[in-house]
Amino acid sequence: RAGERINVTKLTAEALRIPQAYWAEIMCNLLDEGYVKGYSVRRYLSGTTITGLEDIQITPKGIEYLKENNMMRKVLTYLKEIGELVPGI
């Protein structure tokens, strides 16, 4: 938000403790769906290479998704609480 740069080391497959190929697929999808921008993806027969992560930025679409996702989580929590208070709902 404040123009701060992302600590790219926190975005690696190793930092997230997931396989490299899975991480690369996630990063490709985030870019393809328009949730983030600022980096490049190159697909080769030997695998996927991602460069320029130091310039990653969340897009308005990405922010909207995060807000909606958080709202849905709140709604689900609220409904579960109601279900505990009022059996049969």
C-alpha atoms as a PDB file:
ATOM      1  CA  ARG A   1       0.000   0.000   0.000  1.00  0.00           C
ATOM      2  CA  ALA A   2       2.619   2.490   1.013  1.00  0.00           C
ATOM      3  CA  GLY A   3       4.872   1.684  -1.937  1.00  0.00           C
ATOM      4  CA  GLU A   4       6.944  -0.712   0.130  1.00  0.00           C
ATOM      5  CA  ARG A   5       8.815  -3.427  -1.694  1.00  0.00           C
ATOM      6  CA  ILE A   6       7.945  -7.042  -1.044  1.00  0.00           C
ATOM      7  CA  ASN A   7      10.506  -9.269   0.657  1.00  0.00           C
ATOM      8  CA  VAL A   8      10.849 -11.746  -2.210  1.00  0.00           C
ATOM      9  CA  THR A   9      12.492 -14.360   0.000  1.00  0.00           C
ATOM     10  CA  LYS A  10       9.119 -14.863   1.693  1.00  0.00           C
ATOM     11  CA  LEU A  11       7.504 -15.753  -1.644  1.00  0.00           C
ATOM     12  CA  THR A  12       9.741 -18.671  -2.568  1.00  0.00           C
ATOM     13  CA  ALA A  13       8.688 -22.306  -2.684  1.00  0.00           C
ATOM     14  CA  GLU A  14      11.184 -23.014   0.069  1.00  0.00           C
ATOM     15  CA  ALA A  15       9.791 -20.295   2.355  1.00  0.00           C
ATOM     16  CA  LEU A  16       6.244 -21.540   1.762  1.00  0.00           C
ATOM     17  CA  ARG A  17       7.370 -25.160   2.122  1.00  0.00           C
ATOM     18  CA  ILE A  18       5.772 -26.356  -1.082  1.00  0.00           C
ATOM     19  CA  PRO A  19       7.255 -28.096  -4.135  1.00  0.00           C
ATOM     20  CA  GLN A  20       8.882 -25.795  -6.698  1.00  0.00           C
ATOM     21  CA  ALA A  21       6.624 -26.956  -9.556  1.00  0.00           C
ATOM     22  CA  TYR A  22       3.485 -26.326  -7.482  1.00  0.00           C
ATOM     23  CA  TRP A  23       4.746 -22.867  -6.497  1.00  0.00           C
ATOM     24  CA  ALA A  24       5.484 -22.016 -10.136  1.00  0.00           C
ATOM     25  CA  GLU A  25       1.976 -23.085 -11.152  1.00  0.00           C
ATOM     26  CA  ILE A  26       0.436 -20.902  -8.425  1.00  0.00           C
ATOM     27  CA  MET A  27       2.508 -17.915  -9.520  1.00  0.00           C
ATOM     28  CA  CYS A  28       1.519 -18.507 -13.166  1.00  0.00           C
ATOM     29  CA  ASN A  29      -2.151 -18.674 -12.252  1.00  0.00           C
ATOM     30  CA  LEU A  30      -2.016 -15.528 -10.120  1.00  0.00           C
ATOM     31  CA  LEU A  31      -0.504 -13.646 -13.047  1.00  0.00           C
ATOM     32  CA  ASP A  32      -2.796 -15.214 -15.684  1.00  0.00           C
ATOM     33  CA  GLU A  33      -5.927 -14.419 -13.648  1.00  0.00           C
ATOM     34  CA  GLY A  34      -4.842 -10.809 -13.166  1.00  0.00           C
ATOM     35  CA  TYR A  35      -4.486 -10.926  -9.368  1.00  0.00           C
ATOM     36  CA  VAL A  36      -0.857  -9.771  -9.485  1.00  0.00           C
ATOM     37  CA  LYS A  37       1.495  -8.114 -11.960  1.00  0.00           C
ATOM     38  CA  GLY A  38       5.124  -7.119 -12.331  1.00  0.00           C
ATOM     39  CA  TYR A  39       6.932 -10.390 -13.025  1.00  0.00           C
ATOM     40  CA  SER A  40       7.497 -12.643 -16.014  1.00  0.00           C
ATOM     41  CA  VAL A  41       6.774 -16.302 -16.578  1.00  0.00           C
ATOM     42  CA  ARG A  42       8.518 -18.440 -19.180  1.00  0.00           C
ATOM     43  CA  ARG A  43       7.450 -22.015 -19.717  1.00  0.00           C
ATOM     44  CA  TYR A  44       9.960 -24.508 -21.079  1.00  0.00           C
ATOM     45  CA  LEU A  45       9.887 -28.255 -21.594  1.00  0.00           C
ATOM     46  CA  SER A  46      12.201 -28.533 -18.604  1.00  0.00           C
ATOM     47  CA  GLY A  47       9.973 -26.405 -16.329  1.00  0.00           C
ATOM     48  CA  THR A  48       8.818 -22.884 -15.609  1.00  0.00           C
ATOM     49  CA  THR A  49      11.071 -19.911 -14.925  1.00  0.00           C
ATOM     50  CA  ILE A  50       9.767 -16.875 -13.073  1.00  0.00           C
ATOM     51  CA  THR A  51      11.753 -13.650 -13.106  1.00  0.00           C
ATOM     52  CA  GLY A  52      11.240 -10.147 -11.794  1.00  0.00           C
ATOM     53  CA  LEU A  53       9.474 -11.080  -8.551  1.00  0.00           C
ATOM     54  CA  GLU A  54      11.047  -8.080  -6.874  1.00  0.00           C
ATOM     55  CA  ASP A  55       8.568  -5.974  -8.870  1.00  0.00           C
ATOM     56  CA  ILE A  56       5.457  -7.964  -7.910  1.00  0.00           C
ATOM     57  CA  GLN A  57       2.346  -5.904  -7.160  1.00  0.00           C
ATOM     58  CA  ILE A  58      -1.178  -6.863  -6.263  1.00  0.00           C
ATOM     59  CA  THR A  59      -3.778  -5.598  -8.714  1.00  0.00           C
ATOM     60  CA  PRO A  60      -7.171  -4.099  -7.904  1.00  0.00           C
ATOM     61  CA  LYS A  61      -8.677  -7.458  -8.939  1.00  0.00           C
ATOM     62  CA  GLY A  62      -6.373  -9.196  -6.442  1.00  0.00           C
ATOM     63  CA  ILE A  63      -7.369  -6.813  -3.672  1.00  0.00           C
ATOM     64  CA  GLU A  64     -11.040  -7.351  -4.489  1.00  0.00           C
ATOM     65  CA  TYR A  65     -10.572 -11.123  -4.302  1.00  0.00           C
ATOM     66  CA  LEU A  66      -8.866 -10.898  -0.925  1.00  0.00           C
ATOM     67  CA  LYS A  67     -11.636  -8.700   0.455  1.00  0.00           C
ATOM     68  CA  GLU A  68     -14.373 -10.987  -0.863  1.00  0.00           C
ATOM     69  CA  ASN A  69     -12.579 -14.082   0.360  1.00  0.00           C
ATOM     70  CA  ASN A  70     -12.233 -12.551   3.831  1.00  0.00           C
ATOM     71  CA  MET A  71     -15.900 -11.563   3.808  1.00  0.00           C
ATOM     72  CA  MET A  72     -16.916 -15.099   2.871  1.00  0.00           C
ATOM     73  CA  ARG A  73     -14.835 -16.445   5.737  1.00  0.00           C
ATOM     74  CA  LYS A  74     -16.603 -14.068   8.132  1.00  0.00           C
ATOM     75  CA  VAL A  75     -20.017 -15.113   6.809  1.00  0.00           C
ATOM     76  CA  LEU A  76     -19.147 -18.783   7.239  1.00  0.00           C
ATOM     77  CA  THR A  77     -17.934 -18.199  10.800  1.00  0.00           C
ATOM     78  CA  TYR A  78     -21.089 -16.229  11.592  1.00  0.00           C
ATOM     79  CA  LEU A  79     -23.337 -18.970  10.211  1.00  0.00           C
ATOM     80  CA  LYS A  80     -21.481 -21.622  12.198  1.00  0.00           C
ATOM     81  CA  GLU A  81     -21.967 -19.575  15.378  1.00  0.00           C
ATOM     82  CA  ILE A  82     -25.681 -19.235  14.691  1.00  0.00           C
ATOM     83  CA  GLY A  83     -25.891 -22.990  14.076  1.00  0.00           C
ATOM     84  CA  GLU A  84     -24.307 -23.655  17.451  1.00  0.00           C
ATOM     85  CA  LEU A  85     -26.721 -21.299  19.202  1.00  0.00           C
ATOM     86  CA  VAL A  86     -29.862 -22.436  17.384  1.00  0.00           C
ATOM     87  CA  PRO A  87     -29.895 -26.214  16.819  1.00  0.00           C
ATOM     88  CA  GLY A  88     -31.561 -27.356  13.618  1.00  0.00           C
ATOM     89  CA  ILE A  89     -30.404 -24.428  11.490  1.00  0.00           C
END
